């Protein structure tokens, strides 16, 4: 396994690469004190990460940020 930064998805997003019989990727963000959020996990079948996987990660990151902002406002 090897972790790496994935700024193209969002600030603080990291990637874990798992190489076994196949190749797997997990996008996560651990920049928030309350939890580590897994944004997307998938089996990788080519050398390059498909644009659709990056977009799924971006959409989920944006949704996470919006959810946290909503919770912050609600708790004021």
PDB file of N, CA and C in Angstrom:
ATOM      1  N   UNK A   1       0.848  -1.177   0.000  1.00  0.00           N
ATOM      2  CA  UNK A   1       0.000   0.000   0.000  1.00  0.00           C
ATOM      3  C   UNK A   1       0.886   1.230   0.000  1.00  0.00           C
ATOM      4  N   UNK A   2       0.436   2.236  -0.715  1.00  0.00           N
ATOM      5  CA  UNK A   2       1.180   3.486  -0.713  1.00  0.00           C
ATOM      6  C   UNK A   2       0.203   4.651  -0.760  1.00  0.00           C
ATOM      7  N   UNK A   3       0.274   5.569   0.227  1.00  0.00           N
ATOM      8  CA  UNK A   3      -0.621   6.725   0.221  1.00  0.00           C
ATOM      9  C   UNK A   3      -0.060   7.840  -0.651  1.00  0.00           C
ATOM     10  N   UNK A   4      -0.937   8.663  -1.194  1.00  0.00           N
ATOM     11  CA  UNK A   4      -0.484   9.784  -1.998  1.00  0.00           C
ATOM     12  C   UNK A   4      -1.503  10.901  -1.983  1.00  0.00           C
ATOM     13  N   UNK A   5      -1.050  12.114  -2.233  1.00  0.00           N
ATOM     14  CA  UNK A   5      -1.939  13.269  -2.264  1.00  0.00           C
ATOM     15  C   UNK A   5      -2.758  13.247  -3.541  1.00  0.00           C
ATOM     16  N   UNK A   6      -3.970  13.766  -3.461  1.00  0.00           N
ATOM     17  CA  UNK A   6      -4.868  13.798  -4.604  1.00  0.00           C
ATOM     18  C   UNK A   6      -5.573  15.155  -4.626  1.00  0.00           C
ATOM     19  N   UNK A   7      -4.781  16.221  -4.768  1.00  0.00           N
ATOM     20  CA  UNK A   7      -5.309  17.582  -4.720  1.00  0.00           C
ATOM     21  C   UNK A   7      -6.318  17.862  -5.827  1.00  0.00           C
ATOM     22  N   UNK A   8      -6.269  17.110  -6.919  1.00  0.00           N
ATOM     23  CA  UNK A   8      -7.221  17.344  -8.009  1.00  0.00           C
ATOM     24  C   UNK A   8      -8.645  16.990  -7.599  1.00  0.00           C
ATOM     25  N   UNK A   9      -8.796  16.205  -6.533  1.00  0.00           N
ATOM     26  CA  UNK A   9     -10.132  15.864  -6.022  1.00  0.00           C
ATOM     27  C   UNK A   9     -10.568  16.897  -4.992  1.00  0.00           C
ATOM     28  N   UNK A  10      -9.662  17.302  -4.112  1.00  0.00           N
ATOM     29  CA  UNK A  10      -9.978  18.309  -3.100  1.00  0.00           C
ATOM     30  C   UNK A  10      -8.822  18.478  -2.145  1.00  0.00           C
ATOM     31  N   UNK A  11      -8.774  19.608  -1.450  1.00  0.00           N
ATOM     32  CA  UNK A  11      -7.684  19.840  -0.499  1.00  0.00           C
ATOM     33  C   UNK A  11      -7.725  18.824   0.646  1.00  0.00           C
ATOM     34  N   UNK A  12      -6.606  18.210   0.925  1.00  0.00           N
ATOM     35  CA  UNK A  12      -6.520  17.231   2.000  1.00  0.00           C
ATOM     36  C   UNK A  12      -6.912  15.822   1.596  1.00  0.00           C
ATOM     37  N   UNK A  13      -7.357  15.631   0.354  1.00  0.00           N
ATOM     38  CA  UNK A  13      -7.744  14.289  -0.096  1.00  0.00           C
ATOM     39  C   UNK A  13      -6.480  13.485  -0.396  1.00  0.00           C
ATOM     40  N   UNK A  14      -6.487  12.253   0.073  1.00  0.00           N
ATOM     41  CA  UNK A  14      -5.358  11.344  -0.125  1.00  0.00           C
ATOM     42  C   UNK A  14      -5.854  10.098  -0.833  1.00  0.00           C
ATOM     43  N   UNK A  15      -4.915   9.328  -1.345  1.00  0.00           N
ATOM     44  CA  UNK A  15      -5.236   8.098  -2.054  1.00  0.00           C
ATOM     45  C   UNK A  15      -4.388   6.976  -1.498  1.00  0.00           C
ATOM     46  N   UNK A  16      -5.023   5.836  -1.265  1.00  0.00           N
ATOM     47  CA  UNK A  16      -4.292   4.620  -0.911  1.00  0.00           C
ATOM     48  C   UNK A  16      -4.342   3.720  -2.131  1.00  0.00           C
ATOM     49  N   UNK A  17      -3.193   3.202  -2.499  1.00  0.00           N
ATOM     50  CA  UNK A  17      -3.092   2.266  -3.619  1.00  0.00           C
ATOM     51  C   UNK A  17      -2.781   0.892  -3.054  1.00  0.00           C
ATOM     52  N   UNK A  18      -3.590  -0.069  -3.415  1.00  0.00           N
ATOM     53  CA  UNK A  18      -3.407  -1.431  -2.925  1.00  0.00           C
ATOM     54  C   UNK A  18      -3.124  -2.324  -4.132  1.00  0.00           C
ATOM     55  N   UNK A  19      -1.995  -2.991  -4.105  1.00  0.00           N
ATOM     56  CA  UNK A  19      -1.607  -3.881  -5.203  1.00  0.00           C
ATOM     57  C   UNK A  19      -1.609  -5.312  -4.678  1.00  0.00           C
ATOM     58  N   UNK A  20      -2.554  -6.095  -5.142  1.00  0.00           N
ATOM     59  CA  UNK A  20      -2.606  -7.523  -4.831  1.00  0.00           C
ATOM     60  C   UNK A  20      -2.683  -8.237  -6.174  1.00  0.00           C
ATOM     61  N   UNK A  21      -3.627  -9.113  -6.350  1.00  0.00           N
ATOM     62  CA  UNK A  21      -3.822  -9.739  -7.661  1.00  0.00           C
ATOM     63  C   UNK A  21      -4.334  -8.718  -8.671  1.00  0.00           C
ATOM     64  N   UNK A  22      -4.938  -7.663  -8.174  1.00  0.00           N
ATOM     65  CA  UNK A  22      -5.409  -6.553  -8.993  1.00  0.00           C
ATOM     66  C   UNK A  22      -4.908  -5.264  -8.378  1.00  0.00           C
ATOM     67  N   UNK A  23      -5.431  -4.162  -8.855  1.00  0.00           N
ATOM     68  CA  UNK A  23      -5.053  -2.861  -8.295  1.00  0.00           C
ATOM     69  C   UNK A  23      -6.324  -2.193  -7.797  1.00  0.00           C
ATOM     70  N   UNK A  24      -6.258  -1.629  -6.600  1.00  0.00           N
ATOM     71  CA  UNK A  24      -7.402  -0.987  -5.986  1.00  0.00           C
ATOM     72  C   UNK A  24      -6.995   0.396  -5.507  1.00  0.00           C
ATOM     73  N   UNK A  25      -7.968   1.300  -5.462  1.00  0.00           N
ATOM     74  CA  UNK A  25      -7.727   2.664  -4.998  1.00  0.00           C
ATOM     75  C   UNK A  25      -8.809   3.055  -4.000  1.00  0.00           C
ATOM     76  N   UNK A  26      -8.414   3.831  -3.011  1.00  0.00           N
ATOM     77  CA  UNK A  26      -9.344   4.390  -2.035  1.00  0.00           C
ATOM     78  C   UNK A  26      -9.012   5.870  -1.908  1.00  0.00           C
ATOM     79  N   UNK A  27     -10.001   6.734  -2.161  1.00  0.00           N
ATOM     80  CA  UNK A  27      -9.848   8.173  -1.950  1.00  0.00           C
ATOM     81  C   UNK A  27     -10.442   8.482  -0.580  1.00  0.00           C
ATOM     82  N   UNK A  28      -9.687   9.207   0.242  1.00  0.00           N
ATOM     83  CA  UNK A  28     -10.190   9.544   1.568  1.00  0.00           C
ATOM     84  C   UNK A  28      -9.695  10.922   1.976  1.00  0.00           C
ATOM     85  N   UNK A  29     -10.346  11.484   2.981  1.00  0.00           N
ATOM     86  CA  UNK A  29      -9.893  12.750   3.540  1.00  0.00           C
ATOM     87  C   UNK A  29      -9.851  12.591   5.060  1.00  0.00           C
ATOM     88  N   UNK A  30      -8.698  12.936   5.642  1.00  0.00           N
ATOM     89  CA  UNK A  30      -8.502  12.815   7.081  1.00  0.00           C
ATOM     90  C   UNK A  30      -8.165  14.172   7.687  1.00  0.00           C
ATOM     91  N   UNK A  31      -8.561  15.245   7.016  1.00  0.00           N
ATOM     92  CA  UNK A  31      -8.219  16.595   7.453  1.00  0.00           C
ATOM     93  C   UNK A  31      -9.186  17.134   8.512  1.00  0.00           C
ATOM     94  N   UNK A  32     -10.258  16.411   8.769  1.00  0.00           N
ATOM     95  CA  UNK A  32     -11.242  16.869   9.746  1.00  0.00           C
ATOM     96  C   UNK A  32     -11.082  16.069  11.027  1.00  0.00           C
ATOM     97  N   UNK A  33     -11.156  16.747  12.166  1.00  0.00           N
ATOM     98  CA  UNK A  33     -10.839  16.104  13.435  1.00  0.00           C
ATOM     99  C   UNK A  33     -11.841  15.030  13.854  1.00  0.00           C
ATOM    100  N   UNK A  34     -13.076  15.106  13.369  1.00  0.00           N
ATOM    101  CA  UNK A  34     -14.091  14.177  13.865  1.00  0.00           C
ATOM    102  C   UNK A  34     -14.093  12.810  13.180  1.00  0.00           C
ATOM    103  N   UNK A  35     -13.499  12.704  11.998  1.00  0.00           N
ATOM    104  CA  UNK A  35     -13.573  11.424  11.290  1.00  0.00           C
ATOM    105  C   UNK A  35     -12.642  11.393  10.084  1.00  0.00           C
ATOM    106  N   UNK A  36     -12.400  10.201   9.615  1.00  0.00           N
ATOM    107  CA  UNK A  36     -11.773   9.987   8.312  1.00  0.00           C
ATOM    108  C   UNK A  36     -12.911   9.608   7.379  1.00  0.00           C
ATOM    109  N   UNK A  37     -13.046  10.324   6.278  1.00  0.00           N
ATOM    110  CA  UNK A  37     -14.137  10.089   5.343  1.00  0.00           C
ATOM    111  C   UNK A  37     -13.610   9.396   4.091  1.00  0.00           C
ATOM    112  N   UNK A  38     -14.173   8.238   3.776  1.00  0.00           N
ATOM    113  CA  UNK A  38     -13.845   7.538   2.538  1.00  0.00           C
ATOM    114  C   UNK A  38     -14.762   8.101   1.461  1.00  0.00           C
ATOM    115  N   UNK A  39     -14.171   8.671   0.427  1.00  0.00           N
ATOM    116  CA  UNK A  39     -14.940   9.304  -0.642  1.00  0.00           C
ATOM    117  C   UNK A  39     -15.277   8.327  -1.765  1.00  0.00           C
ATOM    118  N   UNK A  40     -14.357   7.428  -2.069  1.00  0.00           N
ATOM    119  CA  UNK A  40     -14.576   6.519  -3.191  1.00  0.00           C
ATOM    120  C   UNK A  40     -13.563   5.381  -3.112  1.00  0.00           C
ATOM    121  N   UNK A  41     -13.993   4.176  -3.439  1.00  0.00           N
ATOM    122  CA  UNK A  41     -13.105   3.012  -3.511  1.00  0.00           C
ATOM    123  C   UNK A  41     -13.484   2.225  -4.759  1.00  0.00           C
ATOM    124  N   UNK A  42     -12.476   1.745  -5.471  1.00  0.00           N
ATOM    125  CA  UNK A  42     -12.757   1.054  -6.729  1.00  0.00           C
ATOM    126  C   UNK A  42     -11.576   0.190  -7.145  1.00  0.00           C
ATOM    127  N   UNK A  43     -11.868  -0.765  -8.037  1.00  0.00           N
ATOM    128  CA  UNK A  43     -10.815  -1.578  -8.642  1.00  0.00           C
ATOM    129  C   UNK A  43     -10.319  -0.855  -9.876  1.00  0.00           C
ATOM    130  N   UNK A  44      -9.020  -0.770  -9.998  1.00  0.00           N
ATOM    131  CA  UNK A  44      -8.423  -0.061 -11.126  1.00  0.00           C
ATOM    132  C   UNK A  44      -7.953  -1.080 -12.154  1.00  0.00           C
ATOM    133  N   UNK A  45      -8.361  -0.885 -13.398  1.00  0.00           N
ATOM    134  CA  UNK A  45      -8.044  -1.856 -14.433  1.00  0.00           C
ATOM    135  C   UNK A  45      -7.068  -1.328 -15.481  1.00  0.00           C
ATOM    136  N   UNK A  46      -6.751  -0.042 -15.431  1.00  0.00           N
ATOM    137  CA  UNK A  46      -5.783   0.542 -16.367  1.00  0.00           C
ATOM    138  C   UNK A  46      -4.754   1.337 -15.570  1.00  0.00           C
ATOM    139  N   UNK A  47      -3.684   1.761 -16.222  1.00  0.00           N
ATOM    140  CA  UNK A  47      -2.651   2.551 -15.536  1.00  0.00           C
ATOM    141  C   UNK A  47      -3.163   3.906 -15.090  1.00  0.00           C
ATOM    142  N   UNK A  48      -3.961   4.542 -15.919  1.00  0.00           N
ATOM    143  CA  UNK A  48      -4.460   5.881 -15.611  1.00  0.00           C
ATOM    144  C   UNK A  48      -5.800   5.783 -14.881  1.00  0.00           C
ATOM    145  N   UNK A  49      -5.973   6.643 -13.886  1.00  0.00           N
ATOM    146  CA  UNK A  49      -7.255   6.684 -13.175  1.00  0.00           C
ATOM    147  C   UNK A  49      -8.290   7.339 -14.083  1.00  0.00           C
ATOM    148  N   UNK A  50      -9.388   6.657 -14.306  1.00  0.00           N
ATOM    149  CA  UNK A  50     -10.444   7.161 -15.191  1.00  0.00           C
ATOM    150  C   UNK A  50     -11.034   8.461 -14.645  1.00  0.00           C
ATOM    151  N   UNK A  51     -11.349   9.365 -15.544  1.00  0.00           N
ATOM    152  CA  UNK A  51     -11.910  10.668 -15.170  1.00  0.00           C
ATOM    153  C   UNK A  51     -13.179  10.515 -14.343  1.00  0.00           C
ATOM    154  N   UNK A  52     -13.982   9.488 -14.612  1.00  0.00           N
ATOM    155  CA  UNK A  52     -15.226   9.317 -13.864  1.00  0.00           C
ATOM    156  C   UNK A  52     -14.958   9.041 -12.380  1.00  0.00           C
ATOM    157  N   UNK A  53     -13.872   8.329 -12.072  1.00  0.00           N
ATOM    158  CA  UNK A  53     -13.531   8.065 -10.678  1.00  0.00           C
ATOM    159  C   UNK A  53     -13.093   9.349  -9.972  1.00  0.00           C
ATOM    160  N   UNK A  54     -12.311  10.160 -10.663  1.00  0.00           N
ATOM    161  CA  UNK A  54     -11.898  11.446 -10.090  1.00  0.00           C
ATOM    162  C   UNK A  54     -13.115  12.340  -9.863  1.00  0.00           C
ATOM    163  N   UNK A  55     -14.054  12.346 -10.804  1.00  0.00           N
ATOM    164  CA  UNK A  55     -15.252  13.178 -10.669  1.00  0.00           C
ATOM    165  C   UNK A  55     -16.129  12.694  -9.516  1.00  0.00           C
ATOM    166  N   UNK A  56     -16.261  11.396  -9.337  1.00  0.00           N
ATOM    167  CA  UNK A  56     -17.017  10.870  -8.192  1.00  0.00           C
ATOM    168  C   UNK A  56     -16.381  11.362  -6.896  1.00  0.00           C
ATOM    169  N   UNK A  57     -15.065  11.299  -6.810  1.00  0.00           N
ATOM    170  CA  UNK A  57     -14.359  11.793  -5.623  1.00  0.00           C
ATOM    171  C   UNK A  57     -14.605  13.274  -5.398  1.00  0.00           C
ATOM    172  N   UNK A  58     -14.545  14.072  -6.466  1.00  0.00           N
ATOM    173  CA  UNK A  58     -14.790  15.518  -6.353  1.00  0.00           C
ATOM    174  C   UNK A  58     -16.212  15.807  -5.866  1.00  0.00           C
ATOM    175  N   UNK A  59     -17.190  15.123  -6.457  1.00  0.00           N
ATOM    176  CA  UNK A  59     -18.589  15.341  -6.069  1.00  0.00           C
ATOM    177  C   UNK A  59     -18.809  14.984  -4.607  1.00  0.00           C
ATOM    178  N   UNK A  60     -18.254  13.897  -4.184  1.00  0.00           N
ATOM    179  CA  UNK A  60     -18.432  13.475  -2.785  1.00  0.00           C
ATOM    180  C   UNK A  60     -17.686  14.396  -1.830  1.00  0.00           C
ATOM    181  N   UNK A  61     -16.530  14.912  -2.253  1.00  0.00           N
ATOM    182  CA  UNK A  61     -15.809  15.862  -1.414  1.00  0.00           C
ATOM    183  C   UNK A  61     -16.628  17.142  -1.245  1.00  0.00           C
ATOM    184  N   UNK A  62     -17.179  17.663  -2.360  1.00  0.00           N
ATOM    185  CA  UNK A  62     -18.016  18.866  -2.280  1.00  0.00           C
ATOM    186  C   UNK A  62     -19.227  18.634  -1.376  1.00  0.00           C
ATOM    187  N   UNK A  63     -19.859  17.467  -1.503  1.00  0.00           N
ATOM    188  CA  UNK A  63     -21.018  17.142  -0.667  1.00  0.00           C
ATOM    189  C   UNK A  63     -20.621  17.077   0.802  1.00  0.00           C
ATOM    190  N   UNK A  64     -19.459  16.535   1.092  1.00  0.00           N
ATOM    191  CA  UNK A  64     -18.962  16.467   2.464  1.00  0.00           C
ATOM    192  C   UNK A  64     -18.748  17.858   3.038  1.00  0.00           C
ATOM    193  N   UNK A  65     -18.114  18.733   2.276  1.00  0.00           N
ATOM    194  CA  UNK A  65     -17.871  20.105   2.737  1.00  0.00           C
ATOM    195  C   UNK A  65     -19.201  20.819   2.990  1.00  0.00           C
ATOM    196  N   UNK A  66     -20.165  20.656   2.092  1.00  0.00           N
ATOM    197  CA  UNK A  66     -21.483  21.280   2.283  1.00  0.00           C
ATOM    198  C   UNK A  66     -22.178  20.726   3.522  1.00  0.00           C
ATOM    199  N   UNK A  67     -22.112  19.429   3.731  1.00  0.00           N
ATOM    200  CA  UNK A  67     -22.722  18.808   4.903  1.00  0.00           C
ATOM    201  C   UNK A  67     -22.107  19.359   6.190  1.00  0.00           C
ATOM    202  N   UNK A  68     -20.793  19.479   6.209  1.00  0.00           N
ATOM    203  CA  UNK A  68     -20.116  19.989   7.403  1.00  0.00           C
ATOM    204  C   UNK A  68     -20.476  21.448   7.660  1.00  0.00           C
ATOM    205  N   UNK A  69     -20.595  22.260   6.601  1.00  0.00           N
ATOM    206  CA  UNK A  69     -21.002  23.658   6.762  1.00  0.00           C
ATOM    207  C   UNK A  69     -22.420  23.749   7.295  1.00  0.00           C
ATOM    208  N   UNK A  70     -23.318  22.915   6.777  1.00  0.00           N
ATOM    209  CA  UNK A  70     -24.708  22.887   7.244  1.00  0.00           C
ATOM    210  C   UNK A  70     -24.764  22.504   8.728  1.00  0.00           C
ATOM    211  N   UNK A  71     -24.002  21.482   9.112  1.00  0.00           N
ATOM    212  CA  UNK A  71     -23.965  21.041  10.513  1.00  0.00           C
ATOM    213  C   UNK A  71     -23.419  22.148  11.409  1.00  0.00           C
ATOM    214  N   UNK A  72     -22.403  22.848  10.926  1.00  0.00           N
ATOM    215  CA  UNK A  72     -21.797  23.932  11.705  1.00  0.00           C
ATOM    216  C   UNK A  72     -22.823  25.035  11.972  1.00  0.00           C
ATOM    217  N   UNK A  73     -23.579  25.423  10.919  1.00  0.00           N
ATOM    218  CA  UNK A  73     -24.616  26.453  11.070  1.00  0.00           C
ATOM    219  C   UNK A  73     -25.708  25.992  12.015  1.00  0.00           C
ATOM    220  N   UNK A  74     -26.092  24.734  11.895  1.00  0.00           N
ATOM    221  CA  UNK A  74     -27.170  24.184  12.717  1.00  0.00           C
ATOM    222  C   UNK A  74     -26.794  24.149  14.196  1.00  0.00           C
ATOM    223  N   UNK A  75     -25.524  23.962  14.483  1.00  0.00           N
ATOM    224  CA  UNK A  75     -25.065  23.854  15.869  1.00  0.00           C
ATOM    225  C   UNK A  75     -24.715  25.185  16.511  1.00  0.00           C
ATOM    226  N   UNK A  76     -24.927  26.278  15.810  1.00  0.00           N
ATOM    227  CA  UNK A  76     -24.639  27.604  16.389  1.00  0.00           C
ATOM    228  C   UNK A  76     -25.700  28.029  17.351  1.00  0.00           C
TER     229      UNK A  76
END
